[in-house]
Amino acid sequence: MGDFWYDLNVIINIIKIMKRYLIGIVVLVLIVGGVYYLGLSRDIEKKQDQVTTIPVSETVISATPKDVAVSSNLNWKTYRNENYGFEFKYPNDFKMEEKSGRISVSDGLDPKTSFSVFINPQVGFEGYDPYKSPKVLMVGNEKFKIEYDKSNDGQLFIHTSVSKNGDYLMIYLFSYKDSNSAETIFTNILSTLKLD
């Protein structure tokens, strides 16, 4: 009977020792896993930063009526928003549509091309990647950083923004035209923008 209690004591001591080692191994696995997770998430953040960071070009374009390719812009229609104090001109063959917080003018011949001003947008646009470096466009005394993005299916998203009296105006063009045509349309319309 004495051997039984001795053997039982040995088994209990072995279990206690194994329990300590098992707890130590579990703690070690949790620490290593936590360090790996933190390193991985920082790596992902760095990669996201690398994807979305674009060096800003020092190219400054000054938009004046003589630079505008469409000589008839003086006869274009004018959209004016009294509430937010801005106006812009757009070609006569474009159709204007105003919905809560967004003004769009679409090419009458190509409805997939539209120039829009979004007032205080609550949404962002995802799924577009840069296709060229940003440029700065001077319109009067205002500087606009123009960014050029494209979706996988070839839709161009040319955009800029401006803050005015506490409001945020996002100005953009969606188009499937070739990039030169789309950029010309955007620049021509943006060059007529006036902020009160």
C-alpha atoms as a PDB file:
ATOM      1  CA  MET A   1       0.000   0.000   0.000  1.00  0.00           C
ATOM      2  CA  GLY A   2       2.944   2.311   0.701  1.00  0.00           C
ATOM      3  CA  ASP A   3       4.128   1.942  -2.855  1.00  0.00           C
ATOM      4  CA  PHE A   4       0.708   2.954  -4.122  1.00  0.00           C
ATOM      5  CA  TRP A   5       0.771   6.271  -2.221  1.00  0.00           C
ATOM      6  CA  TYR A   6       4.347   6.857  -3.305  1.00  0.00           C
ATOM      7  CA  ASP A   7       3.456   6.186  -6.963  1.00  0.00           C
ATOM      8  CA  LEU A   8       0.377   8.423  -6.682  1.00  0.00           C
ATOM      9  CA  ASN A   9       2.519  11.205  -5.212  1.00  0.00           C
ATOM     10  CA  VAL A  10       5.012  10.887  -8.070  1.00  0.00           C
ATOM     11  CA  ILE A  11       2.215  11.033 -10.645  1.00  0.00           C
ATOM     12  CA  ILE A  12       0.686  14.123  -8.979  1.00  0.00           C
ATOM     13  CA  ASN A  13       4.103  15.862  -8.954  1.00  0.00           C
ATOM     14  CA  ILE A  14       4.631  14.998 -12.639  1.00  0.00           C
ATOM     15  CA  ILE A  15       1.180  16.439 -13.469  1.00  0.00           C
ATOM     16  CA  LYS A  16       1.988  19.655 -11.537  1.00  0.00           C
ATOM     17  CA  ILE A  17       5.303  20.019 -13.409  1.00  0.00           C
ATOM     18  CA  MET A  18       3.620  19.325 -16.771  1.00  0.00           C
ATOM     19  CA  LYS A  19       0.899  21.821 -15.873  1.00  0.00           C
ATOM     20  CA  ARG A  20       3.515  24.541 -15.266  1.00  0.00           C
ATOM     21  CA  TYR A  21       5.257  23.726 -18.556  1.00  0.00           C
ATOM     22  CA  LEU A  22       1.930  23.624 -20.397  1.00  0.00           C
ATOM     23  CA  ILE A  23       0.920  27.035 -18.988  1.00  0.00           C
ATOM     24  CA  GLY A  24       4.370  28.373 -19.909  1.00  0.00           C
ATOM     25  CA  ILE A  25       4.051  27.024 -23.458  1.00  0.00           C
ATOM     26  CA  VAL A  26       0.552  28.519 -23.857  1.00  0.00           C
ATOM     27  CA  VAL A  27       1.770  31.917 -22.589  1.00  0.00           C
ATOM     28  CA  LEU A  28       4.775  31.741 -24.916  1.00  0.00           C
ATOM     29  CA  VAL A  29       2.552  30.891 -27.911  1.00  0.00           C
ATOM     30  CA  LEU A  30       0.248  33.827 -27.058  1.00  0.00           C
ATOM     31  CA  ILE A  31       3.188  36.239 -26.805  1.00  0.00           C
ATOM     32  CA  VAL A  32       4.771  35.053 -30.064  1.00  0.00           C
ATOM     33  CA  GLY A  33       1.368  35.160 -31.808  1.00  0.00           C
ATOM     34  CA  GLY A  34       0.692  38.680 -30.526  1.00  0.00           C
ATOM     35  CA  VAL A  35       4.086  39.950 -31.682  1.00  0.00           C
ATOM     36  CA  TYR A  36       3.565  38.315 -35.096  1.00  0.00           C
ATOM     37  CA  TYR A  37       0.067  39.843 -35.417  1.00  0.00           C
ATOM     38  CA  LEU A  38       1.325  43.334 -34.537  1.00  0.00           C
ATOM     39  CA  GLY A  39       4.186  43.028 -37.015  1.00  0.00           C
ATOM     40  CA  LEU A  40       1.844  41.759 -39.723  1.00  0.00           C
ATOM     41  CA  SER A  41      -0.710  44.555 -39.197  1.00  0.00           C
ATOM     42  CA  ARG A  42       2.051  47.196 -39.307  1.00  0.00           C
ATOM     43  CA  ASP A  43       3.312  45.596 -42.521  1.00  0.00           C
ATOM     44  CA  ILE A  44      -0.165  45.790 -44.025  1.00  0.00           C
ATOM     45  CA  GLU A  45      -0.490  49.461 -42.983  1.00  0.00           C
ATOM     46  CA  LYS A  46       2.880  50.229 -44.613  1.00  0.00           C
ATOM     47  CA  LYS A  47       1.790  48.509 -47.833  1.00  0.00           C
ATOM     48  CA  GLN A  48      -1.508  50.441 -47.835  1.00  0.00           C
ATOM     49  CA  ASP A  49       0.399  53.683 -47.298  1.00  0.00           C
ATOM     50  CA  GLN A  50       2.726  52.785 -50.160  1.00  0.00           C
ATOM     51  CA  VAL A  51      -0.203  52.099 -52.472  1.00  0.00           C
ATOM     52  CA  THR A  52      -2.081  55.317 -51.680  1.00  0.00           C
ATOM     53  CA  THR A  53       0.887  57.696 -51.398  1.00  0.00           C
ATOM     54  CA  ILE A  54       1.566  59.542 -54.627  1.00  0.00           C
ATOM     55  CA  PRO A  55       4.355  62.087 -54.949  1.00  0.00           C
ATOM     56  CA  VAL A  56       2.851  65.488 -55.735  1.00  0.00           C
ATOM     57  CA  SER A  57       4.141  66.901 -58.956  1.00  0.00           C
ATOM     58  CA  GLU A  58       5.438  70.440 -58.866  1.00  0.00           C
ATOM     59  CA  THR A  59       3.761  71.118 -62.202  1.00  0.00           C
ATOM     60  CA  VAL A  60       1.463  74.101 -61.895  1.00  0.00           C
ATOM     61  CA  ILE A  61      -0.949  74.785 -64.719  1.00  0.00           C
ATOM     62  CA  SER A  62      -2.595  78.176 -64.945  1.00  0.00           C
ATOM     63  CA  ALA A  63      -6.077  77.990 -66.436  1.00  0.00           C
ATOM     64  CA  THR A  64      -7.114  81.140 -68.221  1.00  0.00           C
ATOM     65  CA  PRO A  65      -9.649  81.515 -71.030  1.00  0.00           C
ATOM     66  CA  LYS A  66      -6.864  81.490 -73.680  1.00  0.00           C
ATOM     67  CA  ASP A  67      -5.693  78.065 -72.397  1.00  0.00           C
ATOM     68  CA  VAL A  68      -9.113  76.516 -72.764  1.00  0.00           C
ATOM     69  CA  ALA A  69      -9.239  74.346 -75.861  1.00  0.00           C
ATOM     70  CA  VAL A  70     -12.933  74.927 -76.473  1.00  0.00           C
ATOM     71  CA  SER A  71     -13.130  78.491 -77.759  1.00  0.00           C
ATOM     72  CA  SER A  72     -16.906  78.615 -77.398  1.00  0.00           C
ATOM     73  CA  ASN A  73     -16.817  78.362 -73.586  1.00  0.00           C
ATOM     74  CA  LEU A  74     -17.914  81.978 -73.365  1.00  0.00           C
ATOM     75  CA  ASN A  75     -21.266  80.857 -74.807  1.00  0.00           C
ATOM     76  CA  TRP A  76     -21.537  77.858 -72.498  1.00  0.00           C
ATOM     77  CA  LYS A  77     -24.394  77.478 -70.035  1.00  0.00           C
ATOM     78  CA  THR A  78     -23.731  78.635 -66.485  1.00  0.00           C
ATOM     79  CA  TYR A  79     -24.665  76.778 -63.322  1.00  0.00           C
ATOM     80  CA  ARG A  80     -24.858  78.982 -60.219  1.00  0.00           C
ATOM     81  CA  ASN A  81     -25.436  77.841 -56.653  1.00  0.00           C
ATOM     82  CA  GLU A  82     -26.462  80.755 -54.435  1.00  0.00           C
ATOM     83  CA  ASN A  83     -26.546  78.677 -51.226  1.00  0.00           C
ATOM     84  CA  TYR A  84     -22.903  77.616 -51.472  1.00  0.00           C
ATOM     85  CA  GLY A  85     -21.616  80.574 -53.497  1.00  0.00           C
ATOM     86  CA  PHE A  86     -20.066  79.052 -56.585  1.00  0.00           C
ATOM     87  CA  GLU A  87     -20.644  78.840 -60.298  1.00  0.00           C
ATOM     88  CA  PHE A  88     -19.139  77.128 -63.326  1.00  0.00           C
ATOM     89  CA  LYS A  89     -19.778  76.982 -67.048  1.00  0.00           C
ATOM     90  CA  TYR A  90     -20.386  73.821 -69.036  1.00  0.00           C
ATOM     91  CA  PRO A  91     -20.830  72.994 -72.730  1.00  0.00           C
ATOM     92  CA  ASN A  92     -24.230  73.605 -74.302  1.00  0.00           C
ATOM     93  CA  ASP A  93     -24.672  69.944 -75.268  1.00  0.00           C
ATOM     94  CA  PHE A  94     -24.204  68.777 -71.648  1.00  0.00           C
ATOM     95  CA  LYS A  95     -27.303  68.083 -69.534  1.00  0.00           C
ATOM     96  CA  MET A  96     -27.503  69.405 -65.977  1.00  0.00           C
ATOM     97  CA  GLU A  97     -28.986  67.383 -63.104  1.00  0.00           C
ATOM     98  CA  GLU A  98     -29.204  68.535 -59.499  1.00  0.00           C
ATOM     99  CA  LYS A  99     -29.868  66.087 -56.664  1.00  0.00           C
ATOM    100  CA  SER A 100     -29.513  66.694 -52.954  1.00  0.00           C
ATOM    101  CA  GLY A 101     -25.929  67.786 -52.483  1.00  0.00           C
ATOM    102  CA  ARG A 102     -24.706  66.929 -55.980  1.00  0.00           C
ATOM    103  CA  ILE A 103     -24.714  68.836 -59.251  1.00  0.00           C
ATOM    104  CA  SER A 104     -23.830  66.854 -62.375  1.00  0.00           C
ATOM    105  CA  VAL A 105     -23.520  67.846 -65.979  1.00  0.00           C
ATOM    106  CA  SER A 106     -23.345  64.940 -68.434  1.00  0.00           C
ATOM    107  CA  ASP A 107     -22.182  64.899 -72.011  1.00  0.00           C
ATOM    108  CA  GLY A 108     -25.329  64.720 -74.149  1.00  0.00           C
ATOM    109  CA  LEU A 109     -23.492  62.610 -76.731  1.00  0.00           C
ATOM    110  CA  ASP A 110     -21.721  60.398 -74.177  1.00  0.00           C
ATOM    111  CA  PRO A 111     -23.761  60.084 -70.939  1.00  0.00           C
ATOM    112  CA  LYS A 112     -20.951  58.028 -69.356  1.00  0.00           C
ATOM    113  CA  THR A 113     -18.955  61.264 -69.130  1.00  0.00           C
ATOM    114  CA  SER A 114     -20.083  63.537 -66.303  1.00  0.00           C
ATOM    115  CA  PHE A 115     -18.599  66.483 -64.415  1.00  0.00           C
ATOM    116  CA  SER A 116     -19.923  66.806 -60.858  1.00  0.00           C
ATOM    117  CA  VAL A 117     -19.679  68.969 -57.790  1.00  0.00           C
ATOM    118  CA  PHE A 118     -20.532  67.037 -54.627  1.00  0.00           C
ATOM    119  CA  ILE A 119     -21.281  69.271 -51.619  1.00  0.00           C
ATOM    120  CA  ASN A 120     -20.191  67.880 -48.232  1.00  0.00           C
ATOM    121  CA  PRO A 121     -20.072  64.261 -49.460  1.00  0.00           C
ATOM    122  CA  GLN A 122     -20.582  61.543 -46.879  1.00  0.00           C
ATOM    123  CA  VAL A 123     -19.103  58.878 -49.151  1.00  0.00           C
ATOM    124  CA  GLY A 124     -15.751  58.147 -50.691  1.00  0.00           C
ATOM    125  CA  PHE A 125     -14.831  56.509 -53.953  1.00  0.00           C
ATOM    126  CA  GLU A 126     -12.931  53.245 -53.881  1.00  0.00           C
ATOM    127  CA  GLY A 127     -11.589  50.933 -56.540  1.00  0.00           C
ATOM    128  CA  TYR A 128      -9.547  53.538 -58.415  1.00  0.00           C
ATOM    129  CA  ASP A 129      -5.764  53.610 -58.784  1.00  0.00           C
ATOM    130  CA  PRO A 130      -3.607  56.538 -59.908  1.00  0.00           C
ATOM    131  CA  TYR A 131      -2.623  56.555 -63.575  1.00  0.00           C
ATOM    132  CA  LYS A 132      -0.462  59.690 -63.448  1.00  0.00           C
ATOM    133  CA  SER A 133       0.998  62.143 -60.949  1.00  0.00           C
ATOM    134  CA  PRO A 134      -1.207  64.910 -59.559  1.00  0.00           C
ATOM    135  CA  LYS A 135      -0.915  68.445 -60.903  1.00  0.00           C
ATOM    136  CA  VAL A 136      -1.805  71.806 -59.440  1.00  0.00           C
ATOM    137  CA  LEU A 137      -4.212  73.949 -61.447  1.00  0.00           C
ATOM    138  CA  MET A 138      -4.482  77.683 -60.768  1.00  0.00           C
ATOM    139  CA  VAL A 139      -7.979  79.050 -61.359  1.00  0.00           C
ATOM    140  CA  GLY A 140      -7.925  82.734 -60.542  1.00  0.00           C
ATOM    141  CA  ASN A 141      -6.322  82.853 -57.091  1.00  0.00           C
ATOM    142  CA  GLU A 142      -7.347  79.294 -56.151  1.00  0.00           C
ATOM    143  CA  LYS A 143      -4.960  76.335 -56.316  1.00  0.00           C
ATOM    144  CA  PHE A 144      -6.525  72.971 -57.102  1.00  0.00           C
ATOM    145  CA  LYS A 145      -4.600  69.710 -56.725  1.00  0.00           C
ATOM    146  CA  ILE A 146      -5.909  67.554 -59.580  1.00  0.00           C
ATOM    147  CA  GLU A 147      -5.636  63.787 -59.097  1.00  0.00           C
ATOM    148  CA  TYR A 148      -5.950  61.254 -61.887  1.00  0.00           C
ATOM    149  CA  ASP A 149      -7.317  57.782 -61.081  1.00  0.00           C
ATOM    150  CA  LYS A 150      -8.649  54.869 -63.133  1.00  0.00           C
ATOM    151  CA  SER A 151     -10.741  51.785 -62.328  1.00  0.00           C
ATOM    152  CA  ASN A 152      -9.949  48.255 -63.504  1.00  0.00           C
ATOM    153  CA  ASP A 153     -12.565  48.550 -66.252  1.00  0.00           C
ATOM    154  CA  GLY A 154     -11.000  51.753 -67.613  1.00  0.00           C
ATOM    155  CA  GLN A 155     -13.270  54.399 -66.080  1.00  0.00           C
ATOM    156  CA  LEU A 156     -11.334  57.594 -65.363  1.00  0.00           C
ATOM    157  CA  PHE A 157     -11.908  59.480 -62.116  1.00  0.00           C
ATOM    158  CA  ILE A 158     -10.324  62.936 -62.271  1.00  0.00           C
ATOM    159  CA  HIS A 159     -10.907  64.925 -59.098  1.00  0.00           C
ATOM    160  CA  THR A 160     -10.050  67.806 -56.812  1.00  0.00           C
ATOM    161  CA  SER A 161     -11.656  69.520 -53.831  1.00  0.00           C
ATOM    162  CA  VAL A 162     -11.938  72.855 -52.101  1.00  0.00           C
ATOM    163  CA  SER A 163     -13.176  74.015 -48.700  1.00  0.00           C
ATOM    164  CA  LYS A 164     -15.311  77.124 -48.696  1.00  0.00           C
ATOM    165  CA  ASN A 165     -16.982  78.750 -45.700  1.00  0.00           C
ATOM    166  CA  GLY A 166     -16.988  75.478 -43.755  1.00  0.00           C
ATOM    167  CA  ASP A 167     -18.326  73.458 -46.678  1.00  0.00           C
ATOM    168  CA  TYR A 168     -16.364  70.864 -48.627  1.00  0.00           C
ATOM    169  CA  LEU A 169     -16.808  70.719 -52.394  1.00  0.00           C
ATOM    170  CA  MET A 170     -15.583  67.583 -54.164  1.00  0.00           C
ATOM    171  CA  ILE A 171     -15.221  68.290 -57.882  1.00  0.00           C
ATOM    172  CA  TYR A 172     -14.769  65.335 -60.204  1.00  0.00           C
ATOM    173  CA  LEU A 173     -15.237  63.827 -63.644  1.00  0.00           C
ATOM    174  CA  PHE A 174     -16.119  60.226 -64.477  1.00  0.00           C
ATOM    175  CA  SER A 175     -15.453  59.165 -68.046  1.00  0.00           C
ATOM    176  CA  TYR A 176     -14.572  56.269 -70.305  1.00  0.00           C
ATOM    177  CA  LYS A 177     -13.036  58.628 -72.890  1.00  0.00           C
ATOM    178  CA  ASP A 178      -9.317  58.566 -73.559  1.00  0.00           C
ATOM    179  CA  SER A 179      -7.389  60.310 -70.793  1.00  0.00           C
ATOM    180  CA  ASN A 180      -6.441  63.381 -72.876  1.00  0.00           C
ATOM    181  CA  SER A 181     -10.075  64.094 -73.846  1.00  0.00           C
ATOM    182  CA  ALA A 182     -11.333  63.527 -70.291  1.00  0.00           C
ATOM    183  CA  GLU A 183      -8.603  65.711 -68.763  1.00  0.00           C
ATOM    184  CA  THR A 184      -9.365  68.485 -71.292  1.00  0.00           C
ATOM    185  CA  ILE A 185     -13.076  68.437 -70.434  1.00  0.00           C
ATOM    186  CA  PHE A 186     -12.302  68.527 -66.700  1.00  0.00           C
ATOM    187  CA  THR A 187      -9.762  71.345 -67.021  1.00  0.00           C
ATOM    188  CA  ASN A 188     -11.988  73.383 -69.337  1.00  0.00           C
ATOM    189  CA  ILE A 189     -14.966  73.240 -67.000  1.00  0.00           C
ATOM    190  CA  LEU A 190     -12.897  73.697 -63.841  1.00  0.00           C
ATOM    191  CA  SER A 191     -11.190  76.755 -65.385  1.00  0.00           C
ATOM    192  CA  THR A 192     -14.585  78.524 -65.356  1.00  0.00           C
ATOM    193  CA  LEU A 193     -15.224  77.871 -61.641  1.00  0.00           C
ATOM    194  CA  LYS A 194     -15.854  80.982 -59.565  1.00  0.00           C
ATOM    195  CA  LEU A 195     -16.095  80.952 -55.774  1.00  0.00           C
ATOM    196  CA  ASP A 196     -17.794  83.873 -53.995  1.00  0.00           C
END
